[in-house]
Amino acid sequence: RAAALARAADDASSSEGGVALAEVERLVRWLEEAGHVPPQQLVVESGPAYPLQKFDLKTPGRLVADAAKDAGLAYVLEKDGESTVFSQDDLAALLTAKALGSLF
């Protein structure tokens, strides 16, 4: 976790003073694949509960969106070639949000 976070922070210092949304999603994907995101945070109900309830896995983009909402951060998905750049404080707020299981 620390190595991935350090890479994201290094990218933050080298690009426009923040971490791009794509890098945050890549970090969350890596954390998910490495098993650092609690399973209950990855599952979302889909469809009606009766007669058969279905569940889907959240994508890294959905996890980031949920975490941004929990942390009270506004962000823009890629629109007109621009996407949100998160500051290091915003990145810390995302990674400690309930939607990601308070990873750190």
Protein backbone atom coordinates (compact mmCIF):
# COMPACT_ATOMS: atom_id res chain seq x y z
CA ARG A 1 0.00 0.00 0.00
CA ALA A 2 2.72 2.41 0.97
CA ALA A 3 4.61 1.92 -2.29
CA ALA A 4 1.50 2.55 -4.41
CA LEU A 5 0.62 5.61 -2.36
CA ALA A 6 4.17 6.93 -2.67
CA ARG A 7 4.02 6.50 -6.46
CA ALA A 8 0.73 8.41 -6.57
CA ALA A 9 2.17 11.15 -4.37
CA ASP A 10 5.27 11.39 -6.60
CA ASP A 11 2.98 11.74 -9.61
CA ALA A 12 1.12 14.44 -7.69
CA SER A 13 4.23 16.48 -7.17
CA SER A 14 5.23 16.17 -10.82
CA SER A 15 1.88 16.87 -12.49
CA GLU A 16 0.00 20.11 -11.97
CA GLY A 17 0.25 19.87 -8.18
CA GLY A 18 -2.16 16.96 -7.84
CA VAL A 19 -3.10 13.39 -8.69
CA ALA A 20 -5.18 12.87 -11.83
CA LEU A 21 -8.45 10.98 -11.59
CA ALA A 22 -7.07 8.19 -13.80
CA GLU A 23 -4.16 7.69 -11.39
CA VAL A 24 -6.52 7.55 -8.41
CA GLU A 25 -8.66 4.94 -10.17
CA ARG A 26 -5.52 2.96 -11.01
CA LEU A 27 -4.45 3.09 -7.35
CA VAL A 28 -7.90 1.94 -6.20
CA ARG A 29 -7.87 -0.87 -8.80
CA TRP A 30 -4.50 -2.03 -7.47
CA LEU A 31 -5.73 -1.88 -3.85
CA GLU A 32 -8.83 -3.85 -4.86
CA GLU A 33 -6.82 -6.52 -6.71
CA ALA A 34 -4.38 -6.79 -3.79
CA GLY A 35 -7.28 -7.44 -1.40
CA HIS A 36 -6.98 -4.21 0.60
CA VAL A 37 -10.57 -3.10 -0.01
CA PRO A 38 -13.03 -4.95 2.26
CA PRO A 39 -15.34 -7.27 0.27
CA GLN A 40 -18.49 -5.60 1.61
CA GLN A 41 -17.35 -2.34 -0.04
CA LEU A 42 -17.04 -4.03 -3.44
CA VAL A 43 -20.54 -5.49 -3.69
CA VAL A 44 -23.57 -3.57 -4.91
CA GLU A 45 -27.12 -4.87 -5.28
CA SER A 46 -28.50 -4.89 -8.78
CA GLY A 47 -32.07 -5.57 -9.77
CA PRO A 48 -35.03 -6.46 -7.60
CA ALA A 49 -34.58 -8.45 -4.41
CA TYR A 50 -37.40 -10.83 -5.23
CA PRO A 51 -37.51 -13.58 -6.49
CA LEU A 52 -33.77 -13.70 -7.02
CA GLN A 53 -31.40 -11.03 -5.77
CA LYS A 54 -28.36 -10.22 -7.90
CA PHE A 55 -25.11 -8.57 -6.88
CA ASP A 56 -22.42 -6.91 -8.98
CA LEU A 57 -18.88 -5.83 -8.20
CA LYS A 58 -18.16 -2.10 -8.15
CA THR A 59 -15.64 -0.79 -10.64
CA PRO A 60 -12.72 1.34 -9.42
CA GLY A 61 -14.48 4.37 -10.92
CA ARG A 62 -17.60 3.66 -8.88
CA LEU A 63 -15.51 3.16 -5.74
CA VAL A 64 -13.79 6.52 -6.30
CA ALA A 65 -17.16 8.21 -6.93
CA ASP A 66 -18.59 6.75 -3.71
CA ALA A 67 -15.48 7.73 -1.75
CA ALA A 68 -15.56 11.29 -3.16
CA LYS A 69 -19.21 11.59 -2.14
CA ASP A 70 -18.41 10.31 1.38
CA ALA A 71 -15.51 12.74 1.67
CA GLY A 72 -17.55 15.66 0.34
CA LEU A 73 -15.28 16.18 -2.64
CA ALA A 74 -16.50 17.44 -5.98
CA TYR A 75 -14.87 15.95 -9.02
CA VAL A 76 -15.42 15.81 -12.76
CA LEU A 77 -15.17 12.70 -14.86
CA GLU A 78 -13.36 13.32 -18.11
CA LYS A 79 -15.32 16.08 -19.78
CA ASP A 80 -14.03 18.03 -22.75
CA GLY A 81 -10.61 16.44 -22.30
CA GLU A 82 -10.28 17.55 -18.68
CA SER A 83 -10.63 15.51 -15.53
CA THR A 84 -10.24 16.29 -11.87
CA VAL A 85 -6.82 16.57 -10.30
CA PHE A 86 -6.89 15.72 -6.60
CA SER A 87 -4.55 17.41 -4.14
CA GLN A 88 -2.64 15.25 -1.67
CA ASP A 89 -5.17 16.24 1.03
CA ASP A 90 -8.05 15.20 -1.24
CA LEU A 91 -6.29 11.90 -1.97
CA ALA A 92 -5.94 11.28 1.77
CA ALA A 93 -9.64 12.06 2.26
CA LEU A 94 -10.57 9.61 -0.52
CA LEU A 95 -8.45 6.80 0.87
CA THR A 96 -9.86 7.22 4.36
CA ALA A 97 -13.50 7.43 3.23
CA LYS A 98 -16.00 4.83 4.40
CA ALA A 99 -16.72 3.82 0.79
CA LEU A 100 -13.21 2.35 0.58
CA GLY A 101 -13.35 0.84 4.04
CA SER A 102 -11.06 3.49 5.57
CA LEU A 103 -7.97 1.92 4.03
CA PHE A 104 -5.46 3.94 5.99
